[in-house]
Amino acid sequence: MHKIQTLLLFFSFISIGLLKAQKEKITLVFTFKSQYCNGARPTPEMLLEAEKSKAYANKTIVIVSDKFKVDSGKTDAKGQLKIKIKKGQYKVYEAWKFYKLGPGGADVSKFDKECLKMEWERQLYVITKDGKSTKIDASGEILEQCPWGLPCIRPENIGPIPE
């Protein structure tokens, strides 16, 4: 009886080790670009500075597996998110898109719903892990837009544009 228990314990450890070995730890880096939104006429340097990629820091990211398992995480100060994945395909979204909100969490009623449906479907990454390799495709980029340039905003909800 003792030998059977020892064998079962041994095989349990091996099984757990194999399951852990099937997961791969990857790091995704998120950046965003923005527009110049101040009122004064910008200099070329100001425009260049506004359009530089910046870390998408301390933001919630949602990961959806091909089996519809949903997970989320928060990026660090450098815009990095470390996740463990198993074999399968994953789509990565900004939180507002996954939760079907307006850009930046704005009220959905201010936007064209059909246009928003298309925005919600745009993922940032598609990750595919098969038995031997992991492929990460960047599908989109994060754009921080001025309030008057938000995607899908209905014209009557656009505020005054600074001069």
N, C-alpha and C. Protein backbone atom coordinates (compact mmCIF):
# COMPACT_ATOMS: atom_id res chain seq x y z
N MET A 1 0.83 -1.20 0.00
CA MET A 1 0.00 0.00 0.00
C MET A 1 0.87 1.25 0.00
N HIS A 2 1.94 1.22 0.76
CA HIS A 2 2.85 2.37 0.84
C HIS A 2 3.48 2.65 -0.52
N LYS A 3 3.81 1.59 -1.28
CA LYS A 3 4.41 1.77 -2.60
C LYS A 3 3.43 2.43 -3.57
N ILE A 4 2.16 2.06 -3.48
CA ILE A 4 1.15 2.65 -4.35
C ILE A 4 1.00 4.13 -4.06
N GLN A 5 0.96 4.49 -2.78
CA GLN A 5 0.85 5.91 -2.41
C GLN A 5 2.07 6.69 -2.89
N THR A 6 3.25 6.09 -2.77
CA THR A 6 4.48 6.74 -3.21
C THR A 6 4.45 6.94 -4.72
N LEU A 7 4.00 5.90 -5.46
CA LEU A 7 3.90 6.02 -6.91
C LEU A 7 2.89 7.10 -7.32
N LEU A 8 1.74 7.14 -6.66
CA LEU A 8 0.73 8.15 -6.97
C LEU A 8 1.27 9.56 -6.70
N LEU A 9 1.96 9.72 -5.59
CA LEU A 9 2.56 11.01 -5.26
C LEU A 9 3.60 11.41 -6.31
N PHE A 10 4.42 10.46 -6.72
CA PHE A 10 5.45 10.70 -7.73
C PHE A 10 4.82 11.15 -9.05
N PHE A 11 3.80 10.43 -9.51
CA PHE A 11 3.13 10.79 -10.75
C PHE A 11 2.38 12.12 -10.64
N SER A 12 1.88 12.44 -9.47
CA SER A 12 1.23 13.74 -9.26
C SER A 12 2.22 14.88 -9.47
N PHE A 13 3.43 14.73 -8.89
CA PHE A 13 4.46 15.75 -9.05
C PHE A 13 4.87 15.90 -10.51
N ILE A 14 5.00 14.78 -11.21
CA ILE A 14 5.36 14.83 -12.63
C ILE A 14 4.25 15.51 -13.43
N SER A 15 3.01 15.18 -13.16
CA SER A 15 1.88 15.79 -13.88
C SER A 15 1.84 17.29 -13.65
N ILE A 16 2.02 17.72 -12.41
CA ILE A 16 2.02 19.15 -12.10
C ILE A 16 3.17 19.82 -12.82
N GLY A 17 4.33 19.18 -12.83
CA GLY A 17 5.50 19.74 -13.54
C GLY A 17 5.24 19.88 -15.02
N LEU A 18 4.59 18.90 -15.63
CA LEU A 18 4.28 18.97 -17.06
C LEU A 18 3.27 20.07 -17.35
N LEU A 19 2.27 20.23 -16.50
CA LEU A 19 1.28 21.28 -16.70
C LEU A 19 1.93 22.65 -16.61
N LYS A 20 2.83 22.83 -15.63
CA LYS A 20 3.51 24.10 -15.50
C LYS A 20 4.43 24.35 -16.68
N ALA A 21 5.05 23.31 -17.19
CA ALA A 21 5.97 23.44 -18.32
C ALA A 21 5.23 23.86 -19.59
N GLN A 22 3.94 23.57 -19.67
CA GLN A 22 3.18 23.93 -20.85
C GLN A 22 2.87 25.43 -20.91
N LYS A 23 2.97 26.11 -19.78
CA LYS A 23 2.72 27.55 -19.77
C LYS A 23 4.00 28.29 -20.09
N GLU A 24 3.85 29.39 -20.81
CA GLU A 24 4.99 30.22 -21.15
C GLU A 24 4.74 31.62 -20.62
N LYS A 25 5.75 32.20 -20.03
CA LYS A 25 5.64 33.56 -19.52
C LYS A 25 6.11 34.52 -20.62
N ILE A 26 5.25 35.47 -20.96
CA ILE A 26 5.61 36.46 -21.97
C ILE A 26 5.39 37.86 -21.39
N THR A 27 6.07 38.81 -21.97
CA THR A 27 5.91 40.21 -21.58
C THR A 27 5.41 41.00 -22.78
N LEU A 28 4.29 41.67 -22.59
CA LEU A 28 3.74 42.53 -23.63
C LEU A 28 4.04 43.97 -23.23
N VAL A 29 4.41 44.78 -24.19
CA VAL A 29 4.71 46.19 -23.92
C VAL A 29 3.66 47.04 -24.63
N PHE A 30 3.03 47.91 -23.87
CA PHE A 30 1.97 48.77 -24.40
C PHE A 30 2.44 50.22 -24.38
N THR A 31 2.29 50.87 -25.52
CA THR A 31 2.58 52.29 -25.63
C THR A 31 1.39 52.97 -26.28
N PHE A 32 1.37 54.27 -26.19
CA PHE A 32 0.31 55.02 -26.87
C PHE A 32 0.90 56.27 -27.49
N LYS A 33 0.19 56.77 -28.46
CA LYS A 33 0.53 58.04 -29.08
C LYS A 33 -0.63 58.98 -28.84
N SER A 34 -0.33 60.26 -28.80
CA SER A 34 -1.39 61.22 -28.56
C SER A 34 -1.32 62.34 -29.59
N GLN A 35 -2.33 63.15 -29.57
CA GLN A 35 -2.38 64.31 -30.43
C GLN A 35 -2.07 65.55 -29.59
N TYR A 36 -1.72 66.62 -30.24
CA TYR A 36 -1.56 67.89 -29.55
C TYR A 36 -2.95 68.46 -29.33
N CYS A 37 -3.34 68.70 -28.09
CA CYS A 37 -4.71 69.13 -27.80
C CYS A 37 -4.80 70.51 -27.15
N ASN A 38 -3.69 71.20 -26.96
CA ASN A 38 -3.76 72.53 -26.34
C ASN A 38 -4.28 73.55 -27.34
N GLY A 39 -4.65 74.71 -26.84
CA GLY A 39 -5.26 75.72 -27.69
C GLY A 39 -4.30 76.53 -28.54
N ALA A 40 -3.08 76.76 -28.06
CA ALA A 40 -2.14 77.60 -28.79
C ALA A 40 -1.62 76.87 -30.02
N ARG A 41 -1.25 77.63 -31.05
CA ARG A 41 -0.69 77.02 -32.25
C ARG A 41 0.62 76.34 -31.86
N PRO A 42 0.73 75.04 -32.13
CA PRO A 42 1.94 74.32 -31.70
C PRO A 42 3.13 74.57 -32.62
N THR A 43 4.29 74.53 -32.02
CA THR A 43 5.52 74.57 -32.82
C THR A 43 5.75 73.17 -33.36
N PRO A 44 6.59 73.00 -34.37
CA PRO A 44 6.89 71.64 -34.87
C PRO A 44 7.43 70.74 -33.75
N GLU A 45 8.21 71.31 -32.84
CA GLU A 45 8.75 70.52 -31.72
C GLU A 45 7.64 70.03 -30.80
N MET A 46 6.65 70.88 -30.56
CA MET A 46 5.52 70.50 -29.70
C MET A 46 4.74 69.36 -30.34
N LEU A 47 4.54 69.44 -31.65
CA LEU A 47 3.83 68.38 -32.36
C LEU A 47 4.60 67.06 -32.27
N LEU A 48 5.90 67.12 -32.49
CA LEU A 48 6.73 65.91 -32.41
C LEU A 48 6.67 65.30 -31.01
N GLU A 49 6.75 66.13 -30.00
CA GLU A 49 6.70 65.65 -28.62
C GLU A 49 5.36 64.97 -28.32
N ALA A 50 4.28 65.58 -28.78
CA ALA A 50 2.94 65.02 -28.53
C ALA A 50 2.78 63.65 -29.20
N GLU A 51 3.41 63.46 -30.36
CA GLU A 51 3.23 62.22 -31.12
C GLU A 51 4.21 61.11 -30.75
N LYS A 52 5.13 61.35 -29.82
CA LYS A 52 6.07 60.31 -29.40
C LYS A 52 5.33 59.20 -28.67
N SER A 53 5.79 57.98 -28.85
CA SER A 53 5.21 56.86 -28.11
C SER A 53 5.55 57.00 -26.63
N LYS A 54 4.55 56.79 -25.80
CA LYS A 54 4.72 56.87 -24.35
C LYS A 54 4.22 55.57 -23.73
N ALA A 55 4.74 55.25 -22.55
CA ALA A 55 4.31 54.03 -21.86
C ALA A 55 2.84 54.13 -21.48
N TYR A 56 2.09 53.07 -21.74
CA TYR A 56 0.68 52.98 -21.36
C TYR A 56 0.67 52.44 -19.93
N ALA A 57 1.03 53.32 -19.00
CA ALA A 57 1.30 52.92 -17.62
C ALA A 57 0.03 52.82 -16.76
N ASN A 58 0.02 51.79 -15.91
CA ASN A 58 -1.04 51.60 -14.91
C ASN A 58 -2.44 51.54 -15.52
N LYS A 59 -2.55 50.86 -16.64
CA LYS A 59 -3.84 50.71 -17.33
C LYS A 59 -4.25 49.25 -17.34
N THR A 60 -5.54 49.02 -17.31
CA THR A 60 -6.07 47.66 -17.34
C THR A 60 -6.13 47.14 -18.77
N ILE A 61 -5.63 45.93 -18.94
CA ILE A 61 -5.62 45.24 -20.23
C ILE A 61 -6.41 43.94 -20.04
N VAL A 62 -7.21 43.58 -21.03
CA VAL A 62 -8.02 42.36 -20.96
C VAL A 62 -7.54 41.37 -22.01
N ILE A 63 -7.37 40.11 -21.58
CA ILE A 63 -6.91 39.04 -22.47
C ILE A 63 -8.02 38.00 -22.56
N VAL A 64 -8.39 37.64 -23.79
CA VAL A 64 -9.46 36.66 -24.01
C VAL A 64 -8.90 35.49 -24.81
N SER A 65 -9.04 34.27 -24.25
CA SER A 65 -8.52 33.09 -24.94
C SER A 65 -9.52 32.60 -25.98
N ASP A 66 -9.06 31.70 -26.84
CA ASP A 66 -9.95 31.12 -27.85
C ASP A 66 -11.04 30.25 -27.22
N LYS A 67 -10.88 29.93 -25.94
CA LYS A 67 -11.90 29.18 -25.21
C LYS A 67 -12.78 30.13 -24.40
N PHE A 68 -12.67 31.43 -24.70
CA PHE A 68 -13.44 32.51 -24.08
C PHE A 68 -13.16 32.67 -22.58
N LYS A 69 -11.98 32.25 -22.16
CA LYS A 69 -11.56 32.52 -20.79
C LYS A 69 -11.01 33.94 -20.76
N VAL A 70 -11.51 34.74 -19.82
CA VAL A 70 -11.14 36.15 -19.75
C VAL A 70 -10.24 36.38 -18.54
N ASP A 71 -9.17 37.11 -18.77
CA ASP A 71 -8.26 37.49 -17.70
C ASP A 71 -7.88 38.94 -17.93
N SER A 72 -7.41 39.59 -16.89
CA SER A 72 -6.99 40.98 -17.05
C SER A 72 -5.78 41.24 -16.16
N GLY A 73 -5.10 42.30 -16.46
CA GLY A 73 -3.96 42.70 -15.67
C GLY A 73 -3.72 44.18 -15.85
N LYS A 74 -2.87 44.72 -14.99
CA LYS A 74 -2.56 46.15 -15.05
C LYS A 74 -1.11 46.30 -15.49
N THR A 75 -0.89 47.21 -16.43
CA THR A 75 0.47 47.46 -16.89
C THR A 75 1.26 48.16 -15.77
N ASP A 76 2.58 47.99 -15.82
CA ASP A 76 3.43 48.65 -14.82
C ASP A 76 3.80 50.06 -15.32
N ALA A 77 4.69 50.72 -14.62
CA ALA A 77 5.08 52.09 -14.97
C ALA A 77 5.71 52.19 -16.35
N LYS A 78 6.26 51.08 -16.85
CA LYS A 78 6.89 51.06 -18.18
C LYS A 78 5.92 50.61 -19.27
N GLY A 79 4.66 50.34 -18.90
CA GLY A 79 3.67 49.88 -19.86
C GLY A 79 3.77 48.39 -20.14
N GLN A 80 4.45 47.65 -19.27
CA GLN A 80 4.64 46.22 -19.48
C GLN A 80 3.61 45.41 -18.70
N LEU A 81 3.22 44.30 -19.29
CA LEU A 81 2.32 43.35 -18.65
C LEU A 81 2.89 41.97 -18.85
N LYS A 82 3.13 41.26 -17.76
CA LYS A 82 3.67 39.90 -17.83
C LYS A 82 2.53 38.93 -17.61
N ILE A 83 2.39 37.99 -18.55
CA ILE A 83 1.32 36.99 -18.45
C ILE A 83 1.88 35.61 -18.74
N LYS A 84 1.17 34.60 -18.27
CA LYS A 84 1.51 33.21 -18.58
C LYS A 84 0.41 32.68 -19.48
N ILE A 85 0.84 32.06 -20.57
CA ILE A 85 -0.15 31.52 -21.51
C ILE A 85 0.12 30.05 -21.79
N LYS A 86 -0.95 29.35 -22.09
CA LYS A 86 -0.87 27.96 -22.55
C LYS A 86 -1.10 27.95 -24.05
N LYS A 87 -1.06 26.77 -24.60
CA LYS A 87 -1.32 26.59 -26.03
C LYS A 87 -2.71 27.15 -26.36
N GLY A 88 -2.78 27.92 -27.45
CA GLY A 88 -4.05 28.50 -27.87
C GLY A 88 -3.85 29.86 -28.50
N GLN A 89 -4.96 30.53 -28.73
CA GLN A 89 -4.91 31.87 -29.30
C GLN A 89 -5.56 32.84 -28.32
N TYR A 90 -4.99 34.03 -28.23
CA TYR A 90 -5.46 35.04 -27.29
C TYR A 90 -5.60 36.37 -28.01
N LYS A 91 -6.63 37.12 -27.63
CA LYS A 91 -6.81 38.47 -28.15
C LYS A 91 -6.69 39.42 -26.96
N VAL A 92 -6.00 40.53 -27.20
CA VAL A 92 -5.71 41.48 -26.13
C VAL A 92 -6.37 42.81 -26.44
N TYR A 93 -7.12 43.34 -25.47
CA TYR A 93 -7.91 44.54 -25.66
C TYR A 93 -7.64 45.60 -24.58
N GLU A 94 -7.88 46.86 -24.95
CA GLU A 94 -7.98 47.90 -23.94
C GLU A 94 -9.27 47.61 -23.17
N ALA A 95 -9.29 47.93 -21.89
CA ALA A 95 -10.45 47.61 -21.06
C ALA A 95 -11.74 48.24 -21.59
N TRP A 96 -11.68 49.48 -22.05
CA TRP A 96 -12.92 50.14 -22.49
C TRP A 96 -13.54 49.42 -23.68
N LYS A 97 -12.71 48.82 -24.52
CA LYS A 97 -13.24 48.10 -25.68
C LYS A 97 -13.89 46.79 -25.25
N PHE A 98 -13.22 46.06 -24.36
CA PHE A 98 -13.77 44.78 -23.92
C PHE A 98 -15.08 44.98 -23.16
N TYR A 99 -15.14 45.99 -22.31
CA TYR A 99 -16.33 46.22 -21.48
C TYR A 99 -17.40 47.05 -22.20
N LYS A 100 -17.17 47.33 -23.49
CA LYS A 100 -18.16 48.01 -24.34
C LYS A 100 -18.53 49.39 -23.80
N LEU A 101 -17.50 50.17 -23.49
CA LEU A 101 -17.67 51.54 -23.03
C LEU A 101 -17.28 52.49 -24.15
N GLY A 102 -17.44 53.78 -23.92
CA GLY A 102 -16.95 54.78 -24.85
C GLY A 102 -15.45 54.93 -24.67
N PRO A 103 -14.76 55.54 -25.63
CA PRO A 103 -13.32 55.74 -25.51
C PRO A 103 -12.96 56.41 -24.18
N GLY A 104 -12.00 55.84 -23.49
CA GLY A 104 -11.57 56.38 -22.21
C GLY A 104 -12.62 56.22 -21.12
N GLY A 105 -13.62 55.39 -21.35
CA GLY A 105 -14.68 55.18 -20.37
C GLY A 105 -15.82 56.17 -20.48
N ALA A 106 -15.85 56.96 -21.55
CA ALA A 106 -16.90 57.96 -21.75
C ALA A 106 -18.27 57.30 -21.91
N ASP A 107 -19.30 58.09 -21.66
CA ASP A 107 -20.68 57.64 -21.78
C ASP A 107 -20.98 57.20 -23.22
N VAL A 108 -21.45 55.99 -23.38
CA VAL A 108 -21.72 55.40 -24.69
C VAL A 108 -22.79 56.17 -25.46
N SER A 109 -23.71 56.81 -24.76
CA SER A 109 -24.80 57.51 -25.44
C SER A 109 -24.31 58.69 -26.29
N LYS A 110 -23.07 59.13 -26.10
CA LYS A 110 -22.53 60.26 -26.87
C LYS A 110 -21.91 59.82 -28.20
N PHE A 111 -21.96 58.51 -28.48
CA PHE A 111 -21.26 57.98 -29.64
C PHE A 111 -22.21 57.23 -30.56
N ASP A 112 -21.82 57.12 -31.82
CA ASP A 112 -22.54 56.33 -32.80
C ASP A 112 -22.33 54.85 -32.45
N LYS A 113 -23.41 54.14 -32.17
CA LYS A 113 -23.31 52.76 -31.68
C LYS A 113 -22.71 51.80 -32.71
N GLU A 114 -23.08 51.95 -33.98
CA GLU A 114 -22.55 51.06 -35.02
C GLU A 114 -21.04 51.25 -35.17
N CYS A 115 -20.61 52.48 -35.11
CA CYS A 115 -19.18 52.78 -35.20
C CYS A 115 -18.46 52.20 -33.98
N LEU A 116 -19.05 52.36 -32.79
CA LEU A 116 -18.43 51.83 -31.58
C LEU A 116 -18.29 50.30 -31.64
N LYS A 117 -19.28 49.63 -32.21
CA LYS A 117 -19.20 48.17 -32.32
C LYS A 117 -17.93 47.75 -33.07
N MET A 118 -17.59 48.48 -34.10
CA MET A 118 -16.37 48.18 -34.85
C MET A 118 -15.13 48.48 -34.01
N GLU A 119 -15.15 49.57 -33.25
CA GLU A 119 -14.02 49.91 -32.38
C GLU A 119 -13.82 48.84 -31.31
N TRP A 120 -14.91 48.36 -30.73
CA TRP A 120 -14.82 47.36 -29.66
C TRP A 120 -14.17 46.07 -30.14
N GLU A 121 -14.30 45.77 -31.42
CA GLU A 121 -13.73 44.53 -31.97
C GLU A 121 -12.23 44.63 -32.27
N ARG A 122 -11.69 45.82 -32.27
CA ARG A 122 -10.27 46.00 -32.60
C ARG A 122 -9.39 45.67 -31.40
N GLN A 123 -8.64 44.59 -31.55
CA GLN A 123 -7.74 44.20 -30.48
C GLN A 123 -6.36 44.81 -30.70
N LEU A 124 -5.56 44.81 -29.63
CA LEU A 124 -4.20 45.35 -29.71
C LEU A 124 -3.20 44.30 -30.16
N TYR A 125 -3.39 43.08 -29.68
CA TYR A 125 -2.50 41.97 -30.02
C TYR A 125 -3.33 40.72 -30.26
N VAL A 126 -2.78 39.86 -31.11
CA VAL A 126 -3.27 38.49 -31.22
C VAL A 126 -2.05 37.62 -30.94
N ILE A 127 -2.18 36.76 -29.94
CA ILE A 127 -1.07 35.89 -29.54
C ILE A 127 -1.47 34.46 -29.87
N THR A 128 -0.60 33.77 -30.58
CA THR A 128 -0.86 32.37 -30.93
C THR A 128 0.29 31.52 -30.42
N LYS A 129 -0.04 30.57 -29.56
CA LYS A 129 0.97 29.66 -29.02
C LYS A 129 0.59 28.25 -29.45
N ASP A 130 1.51 27.63 -30.21
CA ASP A 130 1.30 26.22 -30.54
C ASP A 130 2.31 25.43 -29.72
N GLY A 131 2.49 24.19 -30.05
CA GLY A 131 3.37 23.33 -29.26
C GLY A 131 4.80 23.83 -29.14
N LYS A 132 5.33 24.50 -30.15
CA LYS A 132 6.74 24.85 -30.15
C LYS A 132 7.04 26.33 -30.17
N SER A 133 6.13 27.15 -30.64
CA SER A 133 6.46 28.56 -30.78
C SER A 133 5.31 29.45 -30.33
N THR A 134 5.65 30.70 -30.14
CA THR A 134 4.66 31.71 -29.78
C THR A 134 4.79 32.86 -30.76
N LYS A 135 3.68 33.25 -31.36
CA LYS A 135 3.66 34.34 -32.33
C LYS A 135 2.81 35.47 -31.76
N ILE A 136 3.38 36.67 -31.75
CA ILE A 136 2.66 37.84 -31.24
C ILE A 136 2.51 38.84 -32.37
N ASP A 137 1.27 39.08 -32.76
CA ASP A 137 0.99 40.05 -33.82
C ASP A 137 0.37 41.30 -33.21
N ALA A 138 1.00 42.42 -33.45
CA ALA A 138 0.42 43.70 -33.02
C ALA A 138 -0.65 44.07 -34.03
N SER A 139 -1.89 44.13 -33.58
CA SER A 139 -3.01 44.38 -34.49
C SER A 139 -3.41 45.84 -34.54
N GLY A 140 -3.14 46.57 -33.50
CA GLY A 140 -3.57 47.95 -33.45
C GLY A 140 -2.69 48.74 -32.52
N GLU A 141 -2.93 50.03 -32.48
CA GLU A 141 -2.17 50.85 -31.56
C GLU A 141 -3.13 51.67 -30.74
N ILE A 142 -2.64 52.14 -29.61
CA ILE A 142 -3.46 52.95 -28.73
C ILE A 142 -3.24 54.41 -29.08
N LEU A 143 -4.33 55.09 -29.37
CA LEU A 143 -4.27 56.51 -29.71
C LEU A 143 -5.06 57.29 -28.68
N GLU A 144 -4.41 58.23 -28.04
CA GLU A 144 -5.10 59.12 -27.11
C GLU A 144 -5.47 60.36 -27.90
N GLN A 145 -6.76 60.56 -28.09
CA GLN A 145 -7.19 61.65 -28.96
C GLN A 145 -7.78 62.81 -28.18
N CYS A 146 -7.79 63.93 -28.82
CA CYS A 146 -8.39 65.12 -28.23
C CYS A 146 -9.89 64.88 -28.07
N PRO A 147 -10.54 65.54 -27.09
CA PRO A 147 -11.98 65.31 -26.87
C PRO A 147 -12.83 65.51 -28.12
N TRP A 148 -12.44 66.43 -29.00
CA TRP A 148 -13.22 66.69 -30.21
C TRP A 148 -12.89 65.70 -31.33
N GLY A 149 -11.89 64.85 -31.13
CA GLY A 149 -11.51 63.91 -32.17
C GLY A 149 -11.71 62.45 -31.78
N LEU A 150 -12.48 62.21 -30.73
CA LEU A 150 -12.71 60.83 -30.29
C LEU A 150 -13.39 60.03 -31.39
N PRO A 151 -13.01 58.78 -31.56
CA PRO A 151 -13.66 57.98 -32.61
C PRO A 151 -15.13 57.77 -32.28
N CYS A 152 -15.94 57.91 -33.29
CA CYS A 152 -17.37 57.61 -33.22
C CYS A 152 -18.22 58.63 -32.47
N ILE A 153 -17.64 59.73 -32.01
CA ILE A 153 -18.43 60.71 -31.27
C ILE A 153 -19.44 61.35 -32.22
N ARG A 154 -20.66 61.49 -31.73
CA ARG A 154 -21.70 62.11 -32.55
C ARG A 154 -21.45 63.63 -32.59
N PRO A 155 -21.68 64.26 -33.73
CA PRO A 155 -21.37 65.70 -33.89
C PRO A 155 -21.95 66.60 -32.80
N GLU A 156 -23.15 66.29 -32.35
CA GLU A 156 -23.79 67.15 -31.34
C GLU A 156 -23.10 67.06 -29.97
N ASN A 157 -22.22 66.09 -29.81
CA ASN A 157 -21.53 65.93 -28.53
C ASN A 157 -20.08 66.46 -28.56
N ILE A 158 -19.71 67.04 -29.67
CA ILE A 158 -18.36 67.62 -29.77
C ILE A 158 -18.42 69.00 -29.12
N GLY A 159 -17.54 69.20 -28.15
CA GLY A 159 -17.50 70.48 -27.46
C GLY A 159 -16.78 71.52 -28.30
N PRO A 160 -16.64 72.71 -27.74
CA PRO A 160 -15.93 73.76 -28.48
C PRO A 160 -14.48 73.38 -28.70
N ILE A 161 -14.01 73.64 -29.89
CA ILE A 161 -12.62 73.33 -30.25
C ILE A 161 -11.77 74.54 -29.92
N PRO A 162 -10.68 74.33 -29.16
CA PRO A 162 -9.84 75.48 -28.82
C PRO A 162 -9.23 76.11 -30.07
N GLU A 163 -9.05 77.42 -30.02
CA GLU A 163 -8.46 78.13 -31.16
C GLU A 163 -6.98 78.26 -31.00
